[in-house]
Amino acid sequence: MDQVRLSDGVVTLTPFRAADIDAHLAGEDDELVRWLSGGPSTRAATEEYVRRCTAHWAYRGPARVFGIRTGSAPVLVGTIDLRFAMPCLGRGQVNIAYGLYPAWRGRGLATRAVHLVCRYAAREGATEGVIRVDPENTLSAAVARRAGFRYSERVMEPTGNRLDWYLRELVAAPADRPAERPDEHPAEHPVPAAGCSV
C-alpha cells in the first residue's frame, strides 16, 4: 500500500491511512457532508472506513482512496477516490470522487489530483473516467471540466438522485507505458506533460 505515491510536484497522492483521521475530521465541513459523505463523520465510522480502505489497497480491491497532500512537509488537504466497480459503471469505467477541506479550495489542487488519478487509473486498465455530480454542485462540475471531462448526460441513479455524468477517455501517458528500445524511434523526442493551473 505505502509504495503508491503519485505527484506532479505540487500535489502528492498517497493512500488514505489511520494517521489521517484527525486531520480529516478537523477538515470536514458542511459542503463535504452535503456533497460527498451524506452525513457528518464520527471517529468510529472513519476508523472503520480506513480499515476498509487499507484492505482494498492490500488486495488491489475496486476502491482506492487517496489522501490529497501538498507542501514540502505534505499536509492532508482532502481525499480523492477511485471506484473500479459500481453497478452503474460500464466496462472499463472508473468513478472518481473528490473533496477538499475549506482552507484549500480554489487553488487548483482538486484538478491536479484528478489528473494524477486519471493516469493511475489508466495504468490499472481503466479506459474512461466518470465524475458524477449533483447538478447544484457547480464547483465540483467546474473541476471536472478543468480536468478535461465533458458533460455526457443527467442520469437517474438507483437511489433516486439525478446526477450529471462527466466523462473523459483515459490513456496512460508515454512514461507510464513499457519503454521502447532506443532504436525504434530515433527521431522522436519526449513531450513534457502539460501542467495544470487553476
Protein backbone atom coordinates (compact mmCIF):
# COMPACT_ATOMS: atom_id res chain seq x y z
CA MET A 1 0.00 0.00 0.00
CA ASP A 2 2.58 2.58 1.05
CA GLN A 3 4.57 2.34 -2.17
CA VAL A 4 1.75 4.00 -4.17
CA ARG A 5 2.72 7.66 -4.49
CA LEU A 6 1.55 9.98 -7.26
CA SER A 7 2.86 13.52 -7.56
CA ASP A 8 3.04 16.41 -10.01
CA GLY A 9 5.39 18.45 -7.81
CA VAL A 10 2.56 20.43 -6.20
CA VAL A 11 0.04 17.75 -5.22
CA THR A 12 1.00 14.34 -3.87
CA LEU A 13 -1.43 11.45 -3.53
CA THR A 14 -0.79 8.55 -1.18
CA PRO A 15 -3.23 6.04 0.30
CA PHE A 16 -5.60 7.40 2.94
CA ARG A 17 -4.48 5.92 6.27
CA ALA A 18 -5.14 5.86 10.00
CA ALA A 19 -2.70 8.74 10.61
CA ASP A 20 -5.04 10.94 8.52
CA ILE A 21 -8.13 10.51 10.70
CA ASP A 22 -7.64 13.57 12.95
CA ALA A 23 -6.88 15.89 10.04
CA HIS A 24 -9.85 14.53 8.10
CA LEU A 25 -12.28 15.00 10.97
CA ALA A 26 -10.95 18.53 11.60
CA GLY A 27 -11.24 19.44 7.92
CA GLU A 28 -14.75 18.19 7.24
CA ASP A 29 -17.33 20.94 6.78
CA ASP A 30 -20.97 21.24 5.70
CA GLU A 31 -20.03 21.22 1.99
CA LEU A 32 -18.18 17.90 2.26
CA VAL A 33 -21.04 16.42 4.25
CA ARG A 34 -23.60 17.66 1.72
CA TRP A 35 -21.86 16.62 -1.49
CA LEU A 36 -19.60 13.73 -0.55
CA SER A 37 -20.27 11.85 2.66
CA GLY A 38 -24.01 12.32 3.16
CA GLY A 39 -23.62 12.79 6.91
CA PRO A 40 -21.14 14.07 9.49
CA SER A 41 -18.25 11.69 10.13
CA THR A 42 -17.67 10.13 13.53
CA ARG A 43 -14.34 8.82 14.72
CA ALA A 44 -15.63 5.24 14.89
CA ALA A 45 -17.08 5.36 11.37
CA THR A 46 -13.92 6.96 9.99
CA GLU A 47 -11.72 4.33 11.65
CA GLU A 48 -13.85 1.59 10.06
CA TYR A 49 -13.65 3.38 6.69
CA VAL A 50 -9.84 3.48 6.93
CA ARG A 51 -9.79 -0.25 7.71
CA ARG A 52 -11.81 -0.94 4.57
CA CYS A 53 -9.61 1.39 2.51
CA THR A 54 -6.47 -0.36 3.76
CA ALA A 55 -7.90 -3.76 2.83
CA HIS A 56 -8.72 -2.57 -0.69
CA TRP A 57 -5.15 -1.29 -1.14
CA ALA A 58 -3.66 -4.51 0.23
CA TYR A 59 -5.65 -6.69 -2.19
CA ARG A 60 -5.95 -4.25 -5.12
CA GLY A 61 -9.65 -4.09 -4.49
CA PRO A 62 -12.09 -1.99 -6.52
CA ALA A 63 -11.94 1.03 -4.16
CA ARG A 64 -8.68 3.02 -3.94
CA VAL A 65 -8.83 6.07 -1.66
CA PHE A 66 -6.01 8.62 -1.70
CA GLY A 67 -5.22 11.44 0.66
CA ILE A 68 -4.57 14.65 -1.28
CA ARG A 69 -1.44 16.30 0.13
CA THR A 70 0.56 19.42 -0.61
CA GLY A 71 3.55 21.31 0.76
CA SER A 72 7.17 20.41 1.49
CA ALA A 73 6.06 18.54 4.62
CA PRO A 74 2.90 17.22 2.98
CA VAL A 75 -0.31 18.34 4.68
CA LEU A 76 -3.56 16.45 4.13
CA VAL A 77 -5.94 18.80 2.26
CA GLY A 78 -8.66 16.38 1.14
CA THR A 79 -9.37 12.99 -0.40
CA ILE A 80 -9.93 11.52 -3.84
CA ASP A 81 -11.13 8.03 -4.54
CA LEU A 82 -11.43 5.67 -7.44
CA ARG A 83 -14.13 3.02 -7.73
CA PHE A 84 -13.32 0.46 -10.38
CA ALA A 85 -16.57 -1.45 -9.83
CA MET A 86 -20.02 0.01 -9.25
CA PRO A 87 -23.40 -1.20 -10.54
CA CYS A 88 -23.83 1.97 -12.61
CA LEU A 89 -20.46 1.72 -14.39
CA GLY A 90 -19.80 0.13 -17.76
CA ARG A 91 -16.84 -1.97 -18.78
CA GLY A 92 -13.56 -0.05 -18.39
CA GLN A 93 -15.15 2.85 -16.49
CA VAL A 94 -13.88 4.13 -13.15
CA ASN A 95 -15.76 6.51 -10.85
CA ILE A 96 -13.80 9.46 -9.44
CA ALA A 97 -14.95 11.41 -6.37
CA TYR A 98 -13.03 14.17 -4.58
CA GLY A 99 -13.33 16.69 -1.78
CA LEU A 100 -11.06 19.35 -0.34
CA TYR A 101 -11.12 20.87 3.13
CA PRO A 102 -12.32 24.51 3.11
CA ALA A 103 -8.96 26.24 3.60
CA TRP A 104 -7.57 24.57 0.47
CA ARG A 105 -10.32 25.19 -2.06
CA GLY A 106 -9.89 27.48 -5.04
CA ARG A 107 -6.20 26.72 -5.60
CA GLY A 108 -6.48 24.13 -8.38
CA LEU A 109 -5.49 21.24 -6.10
CA ALA A 110 -8.55 19.09 -6.87
CA THR A 111 -7.97 19.48 -10.62
CA ARG A 112 -4.35 18.40 -10.21
CA ALA A 113 -5.46 15.41 -8.11
CA VAL A 114 -7.95 14.37 -10.80
CA HIS A 115 -5.23 14.46 -13.47
CA LEU A 116 -3.00 12.28 -11.30
CA VAL A 117 -5.65 9.63 -10.57
CA CYS A 118 -6.64 9.53 -14.23
CA ARG A 119 -3.09 8.50 -15.15
CA TYR A 120 -3.07 5.93 -12.34
CA ALA A 121 -6.47 4.52 -13.35
CA ALA A 122 -5.30 4.18 -16.97
CA ARG A 123 -2.26 2.19 -15.80
CA GLU A 124 -4.66 -0.03 -13.85
CA GLY A 125 -6.64 -0.78 -17.01
CA ALA A 126 -9.49 1.77 -16.90
CA THR A 127 -10.38 3.33 -20.24
CA GLU A 128 -12.89 6.00 -19.19
CA GLY A 129 -13.17 8.22 -16.13
CA VAL A 130 -16.61 9.10 -14.76
CA ILE A 131 -17.31 12.02 -12.45
CA ARG A 132 -20.91 12.03 -11.16
CA VAL A 133 -22.02 15.42 -9.85
CA ASP A 134 -25.20 16.76 -8.29
CA PRO A 135 -26.45 19.45 -10.72
CA GLU A 136 -26.34 22.01 -7.90
CA ASN A 137 -22.68 21.29 -7.12
CA THR A 138 -21.25 23.78 -9.61
CA LEU A 139 -17.77 23.83 -8.06
CA SER A 140 -17.31 20.07 -8.49
CA ALA A 141 -18.59 20.29 -12.07
CA ALA A 142 -16.05 23.05 -12.75
CA VAL A 143 -13.23 20.78 -11.51
CA ALA A 144 -14.43 18.04 -13.87
CA ARG A 145 -14.41 20.40 -16.86
CA ARG A 146 -10.97 21.83 -16.00
CA ALA A 147 -9.64 18.28 -15.79
CA GLY A 148 -10.78 17.58 -19.35
CA PHE A 149 -14.08 15.81 -18.66
CA ARG A 150 -17.05 16.53 -20.93
CA TYR A 151 -20.68 16.61 -19.87
CA SER A 152 -22.45 13.45 -21.03
CA GLU A 153 -25.95 13.23 -19.56
CA ARG A 154 -28.13 13.54 -16.47
CA VAL A 155 -28.73 10.09 -15.00
CA MET A 156 -31.37 8.91 -12.54
CA GLU A 157 -29.39 6.88 -10.02
CA PRO A 158 -30.85 3.81 -8.24
CA THR A 159 -31.00 5.98 -5.09
CA GLY A 160 -33.46 8.32 -6.83
CA ASN A 161 -30.91 11.14 -7.14
CA ARG A 162 -30.29 12.76 -10.51
CA LEU A 163 -26.58 13.22 -11.20
CA ASP A 164 -24.76 14.83 -14.10
CA TRP A 165 -22.19 12.50 -15.64
CA TYR A 166 -18.90 13.89 -16.94
CA LEU A 167 -16.66 11.55 -18.96
CA ARG A 168 -13.03 11.52 -20.05
CA GLU A 169 -11.11 8.97 -22.07
CA LEU A 170 -8.19 7.61 -20.07
CA VAL A 171 -4.88 6.91 -21.77
CA ALA A 172 -1.67 6.04 -19.96
CA ALA A 173 0.98 8.71 -20.51
CA PRO A 174 4.07 7.69 -22.50
CA ALA A 175 6.10 7.48 -19.28
CA ASP A 176 3.53 5.01 -17.92
CA ARG A 177 3.84 2.64 -20.88
CA PRO A 178 6.54 0.00 -21.31
CA ALA A 179 9.76 1.59 -22.53
CA GLU A 180 10.59 1.31 -26.22
CA ARG A 181 14.00 0.27 -27.42
CA PRO A 182 16.08 3.38 -28.21
CA ASP A 183 16.50 2.42 -31.88
CA GLU A 184 12.75 2.07 -32.55
CA HIS A 185 12.04 5.80 -32.98
CA PRO A 186 15.39 7.63 -33.11
CA ALA A 187 13.93 10.91 -34.41
CA GLU A 188 11.26 11.28 -31.73
CA HIS A 189 11.73 13.42 -28.65
CA PRO A 190 9.68 13.10 -25.47
CA VAL A 191 6.98 15.72 -25.00
CA PRO A 192 6.67 17.10 -21.46
CA ALA A 193 3.35 16.55 -19.75
CA ALA A 194 1.06 19.57 -19.79
CA GLY A 195 0.79 21.33 -16.45
CA CYS A 196 -2.49 22.42 -14.93
CA SER A 197 -3.11 25.65 -13.10
CA VAL A 198 -6.42 26.90 -11.88
